[in-house]
């Protein structure tokens, strides 16, 4: 995309109100960057080769970056949620480099990862050039594009990722609506699947409010804990699996950042009676439309309120997702309480 096209896009955005998300309690609207701002930004953009990354155009004209999101250690780390204690929102406290704190939301529906452009100096990332490369958030309703950038180092506890590809949302203020929920509105990083897919496996342990990240081989969880073993529809992008809704086969996106039970385009009713994933059946799920919760249309989404009783594991080596039983750390084995909305099928009527 040439610079004249880029400047025209931002000029249009600057002259109109950004739609954003209409969720109650959302922060004030963003202030898009001006044409002059972007001209100055373009002058400081860095060649990806400086960071030992490569960039090439696809047939569609989109720019693809390679050799990003690099992990050198073989390590497993466990990080606690940093969200309010009465929630299971997968918010983490990380570091950009050795000292810069980052509040990061993991989002399995986001193909890309996002930072606020006006936090460039505070977080230490650099925009990539010589021409600015733009992308739109696909997981939410948002008119403001992002500029391709690289964060030299992101620390997940003791596990370091280098040359992290992010898109810097070209507006001042917080990342909302990309951060999805008012309680995570001040997050300054949204970790999308371009980062999550770089690990060997990632596990969201919702009852214990923690996430495990591993770069050290395929996942080896106990088979008896698996309620569903689900092939992923693609080796890249959002976590989409095949399931059944009211007995009909449908692709379903597993959305760990969505504070809802289920979202569907044109839902048949306010409640979905049966959603089946492998041997796991979810019963009587409240269903919302995408626009009502500020997300983009597409496959049906199973959200956090449905997934909260379980562990969700993304096994990138085997291209599988697992939904597993979880034992709360302070409880004794066998004392887990059952939820009326969730049960494992045993093959009987």
C-alpha atoms as a PDB file:
ATOM      1  CA  UNK A   1       0.000   0.000   0.000  1.00  0.00           C
ATOM      2  CA  UNK A   2       1.499   3.371  -0.984  1.00  0.00           C
ATOM      3  CA  UNK A   3       1.764   6.347   1.326  1.00  0.00           C
ATOM      4  CA  UNK A   4      -0.887   8.402  -0.475  1.00  0.00           C
ATOM      5  CA  UNK A   5      -3.383   5.625   0.127  1.00  0.00           C
ATOM      6  CA  UNK A   6      -2.375   5.387   3.778  1.00  0.00           C
ATOM      7  CA  UNK A   7      -2.709   9.121   4.363  1.00  0.00           C
ATOM      8  CA  UNK A   8      -6.110   9.170   2.643  1.00  0.00           C
ATOM      9  CA  UNK A   9      -7.380   6.425   4.946  1.00  0.00           C
ATOM     10  CA  UNK A  10      -6.297   8.302   8.036  1.00  0.00           C
ATOM     11  CA  UNK A  11      -7.686  11.583   6.787  1.00  0.00           C
ATOM     12  CA  UNK A  12     -11.095   9.964   6.410  1.00  0.00           C
ATOM     13  CA  UNK A  13     -10.850   8.408   9.866  1.00  0.00           C
ATOM     14  CA  UNK A  14      -9.783  11.684  11.459  1.00  0.00           C
ATOM     15  CA  UNK A  15     -12.808  13.474  10.031  1.00  0.00           C
ATOM     16  CA  UNK A  16     -15.410  11.011  11.276  1.00  0.00           C
ATOM     17  CA  UNK A  17     -16.504   9.562  14.588  1.00  0.00           C
ATOM     18  CA  UNK A  18     -15.134   6.095  15.223  1.00  0.00           C
ATOM     19  CA  UNK A  19     -17.928   3.575  15.671  1.00  0.00           C
ATOM     20  CA  UNK A  20     -16.138   1.427  18.241  1.00  0.00           C
ATOM     21  CA  UNK A  21     -18.081  -0.742  20.657  1.00  0.00           C
ATOM     22  CA  UNK A  22     -21.335   0.281  22.254  1.00  0.00           C
ATOM     23  CA  UNK A  23     -20.899  -1.715  25.432  1.00  0.00           C
ATOM     24  CA  UNK A  24     -22.195   0.093  28.518  1.00  0.00           C
ATOM     25  CA  UNK A  25     -19.430   1.695  30.561  1.00  0.00           C
ATOM     26  CA  UNK A  26     -16.973   1.932  27.668  1.00  0.00           C
ATOM     27  CA  UNK A  27     -14.233   4.590  27.861  1.00  0.00           C
ATOM     28  CA  UNK A  28     -14.303   7.822  25.889  1.00  0.00           C
ATOM     29  CA  UNK A  29     -13.817   7.586  22.131  1.00  0.00           C
ATOM     30  CA  UNK A  30     -10.346   7.543  20.545  1.00  0.00           C
ATOM     31  CA  UNK A  31      -8.638  10.452  18.799  1.00  0.00           C
ATOM     32  CA  UNK A  32      -7.224   9.147  15.501  1.00  0.00           C
ATOM     33  CA  UNK A  33      -3.800  10.256  14.350  1.00  0.00           C
ATOM     34  CA  UNK A  34      -3.712  13.058  11.783  1.00  0.00           C
ATOM     35  CA  UNK A  35      -2.058  13.041   8.367  1.00  0.00           C
ATOM     36  CA  UNK A  36       0.813  15.122   9.737  1.00  0.00           C
ATOM     37  CA  UNK A  37       1.270  12.676  12.625  1.00  0.00           C
ATOM     38  CA  UNK A  38       1.598   9.807  10.183  1.00  0.00           C
ATOM     39  CA  UNK A  39       4.051  11.640   7.969  1.00  0.00           C
ATOM     40  CA  UNK A  40       6.304  12.100  10.997  1.00  0.00           C
ATOM     41  CA  UNK A  41       5.822   8.461  11.981  1.00  0.00           C
ATOM     42  CA  UNK A  42       6.729   7.245   8.502  1.00  0.00           C
ATOM     43  CA  UNK A  43       9.993   9.172   8.677  1.00  0.00           C
ATOM     44  CA  UNK A  44      11.057   7.152  11.741  1.00  0.00           C
ATOM     45  CA  UNK A  45       9.790   3.704  10.638  1.00  0.00           C
ATOM     46  CA  UNK A  46      12.460   0.986  10.647  1.00  0.00           C
ATOM     47  CA  UNK A  47      13.317  -1.593   8.016  1.00  0.00           C
ATOM     48  CA  UNK A  48      12.282  -5.073   9.336  1.00  0.00           C
ATOM     49  CA  UNK A  49      15.699  -6.448   8.402  1.00  0.00           C
ATOM     50  CA  UNK A  50      17.200  -4.429  11.249  1.00  0.00           C
ATOM     51  CA  UNK A  51      15.360  -6.833  13.551  1.00  0.00           C
ATOM     52  CA  UNK A  52      16.308  -9.914  11.468  1.00  0.00           C
ATOM     53  CA  UNK A  53      12.728 -10.077  10.185  1.00  0.00           C
ATOM     54  CA  UNK A  54      11.593 -10.361   6.581  1.00  0.00           C
ATOM     55  CA  UNK A  55       8.597  -8.823   4.822  1.00  0.00           C
ATOM     56  CA  UNK A  56       7.056  -9.802   1.509  1.00  0.00           C
ATOM     57  CA  UNK A  57       3.770  -9.054  -0.291  1.00  0.00           C
ATOM     58  CA  UNK A  58       1.108 -11.699  -0.877  1.00  0.00           C
ATOM     59  CA  UNK A  59      -0.971 -11.829  -4.069  1.00  0.00           C
ATOM     60  CA  UNK A  60      -3.663  -9.888  -2.197  1.00  0.00           C
ATOM     61  CA  UNK A  61      -1.184  -7.045  -1.647  1.00  0.00           C
ATOM     62  CA  UNK A  62      -1.011  -7.633   2.117  1.00  0.00           C
ATOM     63  CA  UNK A  63       2.444  -7.607   3.670  1.00  0.00           C
ATOM     64  CA  UNK A  64       3.523 -10.749   5.514  1.00  0.00           C
ATOM     65  CA  UNK A  65       6.257 -10.585   8.161  1.00  0.00           C
ATOM     66  CA  UNK A  66       8.379 -13.637   8.903  1.00  0.00           C
ATOM     67  CA  UNK A  67      10.891 -14.593  11.598  1.00  0.00           C
ATOM     68  CA  UNK A  68       8.906 -12.720  14.257  1.00  0.00           C
ATOM     69  CA  UNK A  69       7.748 -13.866  17.718  1.00  0.00           C
ATOM     70  CA  UNK A  70      10.923 -15.838  18.378  1.00  0.00           C
ATOM     71  CA  UNK A  71      11.357 -18.132  21.395  1.00  0.00           C
ATOM     72  CA  UNK A  72      14.828 -19.408  22.230  1.00  0.00           C
ATOM     73  CA  UNK A  73      14.280 -21.094  25.597  1.00  0.00           C
ATOM     74  CA  UNK A  74      12.617 -24.443  26.235  1.00  0.00           C
ATOM     75  CA  UNK A  75      10.606 -23.552  29.281  1.00  0.00           C
ATOM     76  CA  UNK A  76       7.169 -23.731  30.875  1.00  0.00           C
ATOM     77  CA  UNK A  77       5.905 -20.806  32.946  1.00  0.00           C
ATOM     78  CA  UNK A  78       2.716 -20.242  34.920  1.00  0.00           C
ATOM     79  CA  UNK A  79       1.314 -16.732  35.254  1.00  0.00           C
ATOM     80  CA  UNK A  80      -1.596 -15.683  37.485  1.00  0.00           C
ATOM     81  CA  UNK A  81      -4.484 -13.627  36.171  1.00  0.00           C
ATOM     82  CA  UNK A  82      -4.182  -9.919  36.940  1.00  0.00           C
ATOM     83  CA  UNK A  83      -7.897  -9.237  36.419  1.00  0.00           C
ATOM     84  CA  UNK A  84     -10.368  -8.435  39.238  1.00  0.00           C
ATOM     85  CA  UNK A  85     -10.540 -11.396  41.620  1.00  0.00           C
ATOM     86  CA  UNK A  86     -14.229 -12.051  41.000  1.00  0.00           C
ATOM     87  CA  UNK A  87     -13.622 -12.580  37.258  1.00  0.00           C
ATOM     88  CA  UNK A  88     -11.788 -15.028  35.022  1.00  0.00           C
ATOM     89  CA  UNK A  89     -10.803 -12.442  32.422  1.00  0.00           C
ATOM     90  CA  UNK A  90      -7.393 -13.641  31.115  1.00  0.00           C
ATOM     91  CA  UNK A  91      -5.447 -10.455  31.866  1.00  0.00           C
ATOM     92  CA  UNK A  92      -1.720 -10.782  32.665  1.00  0.00           C
ATOM     93  CA  UNK A  93       1.114  -8.646  34.016  1.00  0.00           C
ATOM     94  CA  UNK A  94       4.127  -8.941  31.691  1.00  0.00           C
ATOM     95  CA  UNK A  95       7.272  -6.956  30.936  1.00  0.00           C
ATOM     96  CA  UNK A  96       8.390  -5.302  27.721  1.00  0.00           C
ATOM     97  CA  UNK A  97      12.126  -5.736  27.991  1.00  0.00           C
ATOM     98  CA  UNK A  98      13.573  -6.072  31.487  1.00  0.00           C
ATOM     99  CA  UNK A  99      11.704  -3.253  33.229  1.00  0.00           C
ATOM    100  CA  UNK A 100       8.641  -1.902  31.403  1.00  0.00           C
ATOM    101  CA  UNK A 101       5.348  -3.208  32.851  1.00  0.00           C
ATOM    102  CA  UNK A 102       2.685  -4.338  30.405  1.00  0.00           C
ATOM    103  CA  UNK A 103      -0.949  -5.175  31.115  1.00  0.00           C
ATOM    104  CA  UNK A 104      -1.839  -7.834  28.540  1.00  0.00           C
ATOM    105  CA  UNK A 105      -5.171  -9.407  27.594  1.00  0.00           C
ATOM    106  CA  UNK A 106      -5.085 -12.758  25.795  1.00  0.00           C
ATOM    107  CA  UNK A 107      -7.674 -12.998  23.012  1.00  0.00           C
ATOM    108  CA  UNK A 108      -8.103 -16.224  21.039  1.00  0.00           C
ATOM    109  CA  UNK A 109     -10.440 -14.514  18.560  1.00  0.00           C
ATOM    110  CA  UNK A 110      -7.834 -11.915  17.493  1.00  0.00           C
ATOM    111  CA  UNK A 111      -5.595 -12.910  14.545  1.00  0.00           C
ATOM    112  CA  UNK A 112      -3.167 -10.074  15.372  1.00  0.00           C
ATOM    113  CA  UNK A 113      -1.773  -8.484  18.526  1.00  0.00           C
ATOM    114  CA  UNK A 114      -2.390  -4.849  19.427  1.00  0.00           C
ATOM    115  CA  UNK A 115      -0.743  -1.981  21.307  1.00  0.00           C
ATOM    116  CA  UNK A 116      -1.622   1.751  21.555  1.00  0.00           C
ATOM    117  CA  UNK A 117       0.470   3.786  19.123  1.00  0.00           C
ATOM    118  CA  UNK A 118       0.861   6.644  21.581  1.00  0.00           C
ATOM    119  CA  UNK A 119       2.636   4.241  24.000  1.00  0.00           C
ATOM    120  CA  UNK A 120       5.512   3.688  21.572  1.00  0.00           C
ATOM    121  CA  UNK A 121       8.207   5.264  23.742  1.00  0.00           C
ATOM    122  CA  UNK A 122       6.823   3.923  27.020  1.00  0.00           C
ATOM    123  CA  UNK A 123       6.705   0.331  25.717  1.00  0.00           C
ATOM    124  CA  UNK A 124       9.779   0.551  23.480  1.00  0.00           C
ATOM    125  CA  UNK A 125       8.329  -0.693  20.197  1.00  0.00           C
ATOM    126  CA  UNK A 126       9.264   0.532  16.716  1.00  0.00           C
ATOM    127  CA  UNK A 127       7.021   0.933  13.678  1.00  0.00           C
ATOM    128  CA  UNK A 128       8.061  -0.984  10.567  1.00  0.00           C
ATOM    129  CA  UNK A 129       8.719   0.631   7.178  1.00  0.00           C
ATOM    130  CA  UNK A 130       9.811   2.144   4.929  1.00  0.00           C
ATOM    131  CA  UNK A 131       6.094   2.378   4.062  1.00  0.00           C
ATOM    132  CA  UNK A 132       3.617   2.024   6.930  1.00  0.00           C
ATOM    133  CA  UNK A 133       1.744  -1.274   6.791  1.00  0.00           C
ATOM    134  CA  UNK A 134      -1.842  -1.158   8.036  1.00  0.00           C
ATOM    135  CA  UNK A 135      -4.280  -3.758   9.317  1.00  0.00           C
ATOM    136  CA  UNK A 136      -7.789  -3.677  10.770  1.00  0.00           C
ATOM    137  CA  UNK A 137      -8.875  -5.503  13.911  1.00  0.00           C
ATOM    138  CA  UNK A 138     -11.005  -8.412  12.708  1.00  0.00           C
ATOM    139  CA  UNK A 139     -12.358  -9.599  16.052  1.00  0.00           C
ATOM    140  CA  UNK A 140     -14.198  -6.428  17.142  1.00  0.00           C
ATOM    141  CA  UNK A 141     -16.117  -3.525  15.653  1.00  0.00           C
ATOM    142  CA  UNK A 142     -13.472  -0.833  15.247  1.00  0.00           C
ATOM    143  CA  UNK A 143     -12.775   1.657  12.449  1.00  0.00           C
ATOM    144  CA  UNK A 144      -9.227   2.592  13.498  1.00  0.00           C
ATOM    145  CA  UNK A 145      -6.439   0.589  11.804  1.00  0.00           C
ATOM    146  CA  UNK A 146      -3.119  -0.396  13.287  1.00  0.00           C
ATOM    147  CA  UNK A 147       0.420   0.172  12.049  1.00  0.00           C
ATOM    148  CA  UNK A 148       2.777  -2.828  11.919  1.00  0.00           C
ATOM    149  CA  UNK A 149       5.427  -2.579  14.638  1.00  0.00           C
ATOM    150  CA  UNK A 150       7.950  -4.706  16.498  1.00  0.00           C
ATOM    151  CA  UNK A 151       8.406  -5.019  20.244  1.00  0.00           C
ATOM    152  CA  UNK A 152      12.019  -6.174  20.711  1.00  0.00           C
ATOM    153  CA  UNK A 153      11.314  -8.281  23.794  1.00  0.00           C
ATOM    154  CA  UNK A 154       8.256  -9.463  25.725  1.00  0.00           C
ATOM    155  CA  UNK A 155       8.752 -11.370  28.962  1.00  0.00           C
ATOM    156  CA  UNK A 156       6.255 -13.989  30.133  1.00  0.00           C
ATOM    157  CA  UNK A 157       7.823 -14.379  33.544  1.00  0.00           C
ATOM    158  CA  UNK A 158      11.133 -16.154  32.864  1.00  0.00           C
ATOM    159  CA  UNK A 159      10.173 -16.988  29.279  1.00  0.00           C
ATOM    160  CA  UNK A 160      11.314 -14.401  26.729  1.00  0.00           C
ATOM    161  CA  UNK A 161       9.879 -13.779  23.285  1.00  0.00           C
ATOM    162  CA  UNK A 162      11.864 -11.599  20.902  1.00  0.00           C
ATOM    163  CA  UNK A 163      10.916  -9.486  17.867  1.00  0.00           C
ATOM    164  CA  UNK A 164       7.222  -9.543  18.726  1.00  0.00           C
ATOM    165  CA  UNK A 165       4.995  -8.446  15.845  1.00  0.00           C
ATOM    166  CA  UNK A 166       2.251  -6.091  17.019  1.00  0.00           C
ATOM    167  CA  UNK A 167      -0.085  -3.584  15.386  1.00  0.00           C
ATOM    168  CA  UNK A 168      -0.133  -0.142  16.936  1.00  0.00           C
ATOM    169  CA  UNK A 169      -3.684   1.234  16.937  1.00  0.00           C
ATOM    170  CA  UNK A 170      -3.401   4.701  15.407  1.00  0.00           C
ATOM    171  CA  UNK A 171      -5.346   6.694  17.980  1.00  0.00           C
ATOM    172  CA  UNK A 172      -4.515   8.335  21.265  1.00  0.00           C
ATOM    173  CA  UNK A 173      -5.894   6.918  24.465  1.00  0.00           C
ATOM    174  CA  UNK A 174      -6.613   3.313  25.504  1.00  0.00           C
ATOM    175  CA  UNK A 175      -6.964   0.326  23.196  1.00  0.00           C
ATOM    176  CA  UNK A 176     -10.730   0.179  23.628  1.00  0.00           C
ATOM    177  CA  UNK A 177     -12.695  -1.393  21.904  1.00  0.00           C
ATOM    178  CA  UNK A 178      -9.926  -3.884  21.076  1.00  0.00           C
ATOM    179  CA  UNK A 179      -9.681  -4.695  24.799  1.00  0.00           C
ATOM    180  CA  UNK A 180     -13.280  -5.951  24.678  1.00  0.00           C
ATOM    181  CA  UNK A 181     -14.409  -5.382  28.303  1.00  0.00           C
ATOM    182  CA  UNK A 182     -14.524  -2.204  30.441  1.00  0.00           C
ATOM    183  CA  UNK A 183     -12.674  -4.097  33.198  1.00  0.00           C
ATOM    184  CA  UNK A 184      -9.727  -4.639  30.839  1.00  0.00           C
ATOM    185  CA  UNK A 185     -10.004  -1.283  29.067  1.00  0.00           C
ATOM    186  CA  UNK A 186      -6.625  -0.088  30.348  1.00  0.00           C
ATOM    187  CA  UNK A 187      -4.679  -3.066  28.996  1.00  0.00           C
ATOM    188  CA  UNK A 188      -1.866  -1.814  26.757  1.00  0.00           C
ATOM    189  CA  UNK A 189      -1.358  -5.094  24.895  1.00  0.00           C
ATOM    190  CA  UNK A 190      -3.851  -7.509  23.371  1.00  0.00           C
ATOM    191  CA  UNK A 191      -2.142 -10.838  22.718  1.00  0.00           C
ATOM    192  CA  UNK A 192      -3.681 -12.344  19.612  1.00  0.00           C
ATOM    193  CA  UNK A 193      -3.166 -15.703  18.003  1.00  0.00           C
ATOM    194  CA  UNK A 194      -0.111 -14.595  16.004  1.00  0.00           C
ATOM    195  CA  UNK A 195       1.692 -14.659  19.380  1.00  0.00           C
ATOM    196  CA  UNK A 196      -0.252 -17.507  21.013  1.00  0.00           C
ATOM    197  CA  UNK A 197       0.485 -19.820  18.078  1.00  0.00           C
ATOM    198  CA  UNK A 198       4.240 -19.329  18.559  1.00  0.00           C
ATOM    199  CA  UNK A 199       4.236 -21.404  21.759  1.00  0.00           C
ATOM    200  CA  UNK A 200       4.275 -25.200  21.864  1.00  0.00           C
ATOM    201  CA  UNK A 201       1.103 -24.985  23.933  1.00  0.00           C
ATOM    202  CA  UNK A 202      -0.893 -22.557  26.040  1.00  0.00           C
ATOM    203  CA  UNK A 203      -3.410 -23.475  28.733  1.00  0.00           C
ATOM    204  CA  UNK A 204      -6.055 -21.249  30.316  1.00  0.00           C
ATOM    205  CA  UNK A 205      -6.861 -22.698  33.744  1.00  0.00           C
ATOM    206  CA  UNK A 206      -9.919 -20.601  34.477  1.00  0.00           C
ATOM    207  CA  UNK A 207     -10.948 -22.002  37.909  1.00  0.00           C
ATOM    208  CA  UNK A 208      -7.424 -21.385  39.221  1.00  0.00           C
ATOM    209  CA  UNK A 209      -7.082 -18.017  37.426  1.00  0.00           C
ATOM    210  CA  UNK A 210      -3.806 -18.750  35.691  1.00  0.00           C
ATOM    211  CA  UNK A 211      -2.251 -19.407  32.282  1.00  0.00           C
ATOM    212  CA  UNK A 212       0.508 -21.867  31.447  1.00  0.00           C
ATOM    213  CA  UNK A 213       2.820 -21.064  28.522  1.00  0.00           C
ATOM    214  CA  UNK A 214       5.230 -23.685  27.209  1.00  0.00           C
ATOM    215  CA  UNK A 215       7.914 -23.628  24.537  1.00  0.00           C
ATOM    216  CA  UNK A 216       9.183 -27.076  25.531  1.00  0.00           C
ATOM    217  CA  UNK A 217       7.460 -29.780  23.505  1.00  0.00           C
ATOM    218  CA  UNK A 218       3.941 -31.049  22.913  1.00  0.00           C
ATOM    219  CA  UNK A 219       1.288 -30.991  25.610  1.00  0.00           C
ATOM    220  CA  UNK A 220       1.219 -34.064  27.866  1.00  0.00           C
ATOM    221  CA  UNK A 221      -1.899 -33.573  30.006  1.00  0.00           C
ATOM    222  CA  UNK A 222      -3.730 -36.510  31.526  1.00  0.00           C
ATOM    223  CA  UNK A 223      -6.028 -38.242  29.021  1.00  0.00           C
ATOM    224  CA  UNK A 224      -8.657 -38.922  31.696  1.00  0.00           C
ATOM    225  CA  UNK A 225      -9.136 -35.186  32.251  1.00  0.00           C
ATOM    226  CA  UNK A 226     -10.011 -34.486  28.604  1.00  0.00           C
ATOM    227  CA  UNK A 227     -13.681 -33.874  27.967  1.00  0.00           C
ATOM    228  CA  UNK A 228     -13.148 -32.790  24.352  1.00  0.00           C
ATOM    229  CA  UNK A 229     -10.226 -33.144  21.948  1.00  0.00           C
ATOM    230  CA  UNK A 230     -10.901 -30.826  19.016  1.00  0.00           C
ATOM    231  CA  UNK A 231      -8.966 -30.452  15.741  1.00  0.00           C
ATOM    232  CA  UNK A 232      -8.333 -26.805  14.914  1.00  0.00           C
ATOM    233  CA  UNK A 233      -9.683 -25.582  11.588  1.00  0.00           C
ATOM    234  CA  UNK A 234      -6.350 -23.934  10.742  1.00  0.00           C
ATOM    235  CA  UNK A 235      -2.749 -23.890  11.934  1.00  0.00           C
ATOM    236  CA  UNK A 236      -2.952 -20.092  12.169  1.00  0.00           C
ATOM    237  CA  UNK A 237      -5.528 -17.548  13.238  1.00  0.00           C
ATOM    238  CA  UNK A 238      -8.388 -17.693  15.776  1.00  0.00           C
ATOM    239  CA  UNK A 239      -9.243 -20.870  17.689  1.00  0.00           C
ATOM    240  CA  UNK A 240     -12.019 -22.295  15.527  1.00  0.00           C
ATOM    241  CA  UNK A 241     -13.178 -25.895  15.927  1.00  0.00           C
ATOM    242  CA  UNK A 242     -16.048 -27.980  14.592  1.00  0.00           C
ATOM    243  CA  UNK A 243     -19.024 -28.606  16.828  1.00  0.00           C
ATOM    244  CA  UNK A 244     -22.786 -28.918  16.771  1.00  0.00           C
ATOM    245  CA  UNK A 245     -25.422 -26.340  17.657  1.00  0.00           C
ATOM    246  CA  UNK A 246     -28.884 -27.815  18.164  1.00  0.00           C
ATOM    247  CA  UNK A 247     -27.677 -30.962  16.386  1.00  0.00           C
ATOM    248  CA  UNK A 248     -26.367 -29.168  13.301  1.00  0.00           C
ATOM    249  CA  UNK A 249     -22.640 -29.082  12.433  1.00  0.00           C
ATOM    250  CA  UNK A 250     -21.184 -25.589  12.817  1.00  0.00           C
ATOM    251  CA  UNK A 251     -17.744 -23.998  13.169  1.00  0.00           C
ATOM    252  CA  UNK A 252     -17.354 -22.553  16.662  1.00  0.00           C
ATOM    253  CA  UNK A 253     -14.773 -19.985  17.813  1.00  0.00           C
ATOM    254  CA  UNK A 254     -13.470 -20.510  21.367  1.00  0.00           C
ATOM    255  CA  UNK A 255     -13.277 -16.931  22.641  1.00  0.00           C
ATOM    256  CA  UNK A 256     -11.466 -16.537  25.979  1.00  0.00           C
ATOM    257  CA  UNK A 257     -11.854 -12.743  26.035  1.00  0.00           C
ATOM    258  CA  UNK A 258     -15.624 -12.662  25.479  1.00  0.00           C
ATOM    259  CA  UNK A 259     -17.718 -12.118  28.607  1.00  0.00           C
ATOM    260  CA  UNK A 260     -20.742 -14.047  27.342  1.00  0.00           C
ATOM    261  CA  UNK A 261     -21.936 -17.622  26.963  1.00  0.00           C
ATOM    262  CA  UNK A 262     -22.560 -17.672  23.219  1.00  0.00           C
ATOM    263  CA  UNK A 263     -22.689 -15.256  20.296  1.00  0.00           C
ATOM    264  CA  UNK A 264     -24.305 -15.979  16.928  1.00  0.00           C
ATOM    265  CA  UNK A 265     -25.378 -14.068  13.858  1.00  0.00           C
ATOM    266  CA  UNK A 266     -29.202 -14.113  13.696  1.00  0.00           C
ATOM    267  CA  UNK A 267     -29.695 -16.474  16.667  1.00  0.00           C
ATOM    268  CA  UNK A 268     -32.881 -18.577  16.474  1.00  0.00           C
ATOM    269  CA  UNK A 269     -33.805 -17.808  20.095  1.00  0.00           C
ATOM    270  CA  UNK A 270     -32.485 -16.175  23.270  1.00  0.00           C
ATOM    271  CA  UNK A 271     -31.268 -19.565  24.522  1.00  0.00           C
ATOM    272  CA  UNK A 272     -29.442 -22.347  22.685  1.00  0.00           C
ATOM    273  CA  UNK A 273     -30.449 -25.674  24.200  1.00  0.00           C
ATOM    274  CA  UNK A 274     -27.504 -27.836  23.130  1.00  0.00           C
ATOM    275  CA  UNK A 275     -23.956 -27.096  21.974  1.00  0.00           C
ATOM    276  CA  UNK A 276     -21.742 -30.144  21.504  1.00  0.00           C
ATOM    277  CA  UNK A 277     -17.935 -30.143  21.332  1.00  0.00           C
ATOM    278  CA  UNK A 278     -16.534 -33.643  21.160  1.00  0.00           C
ATOM    279  CA  UNK A 279     -18.008 -35.514  24.149  1.00  0.00           C
ATOM    280  CA  UNK A 280     -18.854 -32.318  26.009  1.00  0.00           C
ATOM    281  CA  UNK A 281     -22.364 -30.882  25.939  1.00  0.00           C
ATOM    282  CA  UNK A 282     -23.197 -27.307  26.976  1.00  0.00           C
ATOM    283  CA  UNK A 283     -26.872 -26.888  27.821  1.00  0.00           C
ATOM    284  CA  UNK A 284     -29.136 -23.855  27.721  1.00  0.00           C
ATOM    285  CA  UNK A 285     -26.634 -21.172  26.811  1.00  0.00           C
ATOM    286  CA  UNK A 286     -27.751 -17.543  26.658  1.00  0.00           C
ATOM    287  CA  UNK A 287     -27.040 -16.268  23.140  1.00  0.00           C
ATOM    288  CA  UNK A 288     -26.300 -12.693  22.046  1.00  0.00           C
ATOM    289  CA  UNK A 289     -25.786 -11.055  18.656  1.00  0.00           C
ATOM    290  CA  UNK A 290     -22.251  -9.941  17.732  1.00  0.00           C
ATOM    291  CA  UNK A 291     -23.098  -6.229  17.615  1.00  0.00           C
ATOM    292  CA  UNK A 292     -24.721  -6.297  21.059  1.00  0.00           C
ATOM    293  CA  UNK A 293     -21.384  -7.314  22.633  1.00  0.00           C
ATOM    294  CA  UNK A 294     -19.153  -5.316  20.269  1.00  0.00           C
ATOM    295  CA  UNK A 295     -17.600  -8.181  18.312  1.00  0.00           C
ATOM    296  CA  UNK A 296     -17.416  -8.829  14.588  1.00  0.00           C
ATOM    297  CA  UNK A 297     -19.685 -11.302  12.844  1.00  0.00           C
ATOM    298  CA  UNK A 298     -18.524 -14.687  11.611  1.00  0.00           C
ATOM    299  CA  UNK A 299     -18.557 -18.126  13.242  1.00  0.00           C
ATOM    300  CA  UNK A 300     -20.583 -18.670  16.389  1.00  0.00           C
ATOM    301  CA  UNK A 301     -18.515 -17.929  19.492  1.00  0.00           C
ATOM    302  CA  UNK A 302     -18.387 -19.839  22.761  1.00  0.00           C
ATOM    303  CA  UNK A 303     -17.347 -17.334  25.393  1.00  0.00           C
ATOM    304  CA  UNK A 304     -15.819 -17.066  28.812  1.00  0.00           C
ATOM    305  CA  UNK A 305     -19.009 -17.683  30.781  1.00  0.00           C
ATOM    306  CA  UNK A 306     -19.319 -21.094  29.136  1.00  0.00           C
ATOM    307  CA  UNK A 307     -15.618 -21.991  29.325  1.00  0.00           C
ATOM    308  CA  UNK A 308     -15.029 -20.760  32.889  1.00  0.00           C
ATOM    309  CA  UNK A 309     -15.482 -24.123  34.687  1.00  0.00           C
ATOM    310  CA  UNK A 310     -12.746 -25.756  32.609  1.00  0.00           C
ATOM    311  CA  UNK A 311      -9.171 -25.684  31.400  1.00  0.00           C
ATOM    312  CA  UNK A 312      -8.756 -24.824  27.733  1.00  0.00           C
ATOM    313  CA  UNK A 313      -5.507 -25.952  26.110  1.00  0.00           C
ATOM    314  CA  UNK A 314      -4.167 -24.836  22.739  1.00  0.00           C
ATOM    315  CA  UNK A 315      -1.788 -27.581  21.551  1.00  0.00           C
ATOM    316  CA  UNK A 316       0.005 -26.001  18.610  1.00  0.00           C
ATOM    317  CA  UNK A 317       2.260 -28.993  17.950  1.00  0.00           C
ATOM    318  CA  UNK A 318      -0.724 -31.304  17.336  1.00  0.00           C
ATOM    319  CA  UNK A 319      -3.082 -28.580  16.026  1.00  0.00           C
ATOM    320  CA  UNK A 320      -5.648 -29.496  18.666  1.00  0.00           C
ATOM    321  CA  UNK A 321      -7.633 -27.751  21.369  1.00  0.00           C
ATOM    322  CA  UNK A 322      -8.604 -29.599  24.546  1.00  0.00           C
ATOM    323  CA  UNK A 323     -11.309 -28.815  27.051  1.00  0.00           C
ATOM    324  CA  UNK A 324     -10.437 -30.493  30.336  1.00  0.00           C
ATOM    325  CA  UNK A 325     -11.661 -30.925  33.854  1.00  0.00           C
ATOM    326  CA  UNK A 326     -10.045 -28.547  36.309  1.00  0.00           C
ATOM    327  CA  UNK A 327      -9.465 -29.073  40.019  1.00  0.00           C
ATOM    328  CA  UNK A 328      -9.415 -25.840  42.009  1.00  0.00           C
ATOM    329  CA  UNK A 329      -6.097 -25.702  43.845  1.00  0.00           C
ATOM    330  CA  UNK A 330      -7.554 -25.289  47.352  1.00  0.00           C
ATOM    331  CA  UNK A 331     -10.100 -28.092  46.917  1.00  0.00           C
ATOM    332  CA  UNK A 332      -9.550 -31.790  47.488  1.00  0.00           C
ATOM    333  CA  UNK A 333      -9.766 -34.116  44.538  1.00  0.00           C
ATOM    334  CA  UNK A 334     -13.303 -35.318  43.933  1.00  0.00           C
ATOM    335  CA  UNK A 335     -14.965 -32.313  45.557  1.00  0.00           C
ATOM    336  CA  UNK A 336     -15.566 -30.351  42.343  1.00  0.00           C
ATOM    337  CA  UNK A 337     -19.068 -29.002  42.108  1.00  0.00           C
ATOM    338  CA  UNK A 338     -21.041 -29.673  38.937  1.00  0.00           C
ATOM    339  CA  UNK A 339     -22.704 -26.895  37.018  1.00  0.00           C
ATOM    340  CA  UNK A 340     -26.170 -27.545  35.598  1.00  0.00           C
ATOM    341  CA  UNK A 341     -25.132 -26.069  32.254  1.00  0.00           C
ATOM    342  CA  UNK A 342     -22.233 -28.452  31.650  1.00  0.00           C
ATOM    343  CA  UNK A 343     -21.830 -32.212  31.581  1.00  0.00           C
ATOM    344  CA  UNK A 344     -19.736 -34.896  29.943  1.00  0.00           C
ATOM    345  CA  UNK A 345     -21.551 -37.341  27.665  1.00  0.00           C
ATOM    346  CA  UNK A 346     -21.177 -40.964  28.686  1.00  0.00           C
ATOM    347  CA  UNK A 347     -22.936 -42.504  25.685  1.00  0.00           C
ATOM    348  CA  UNK A 348     -26.230 -43.138  27.513  1.00  0.00           C
ATOM    349  CA  UNK A 349     -29.573 -41.477  26.974  1.00  0.00           C
END
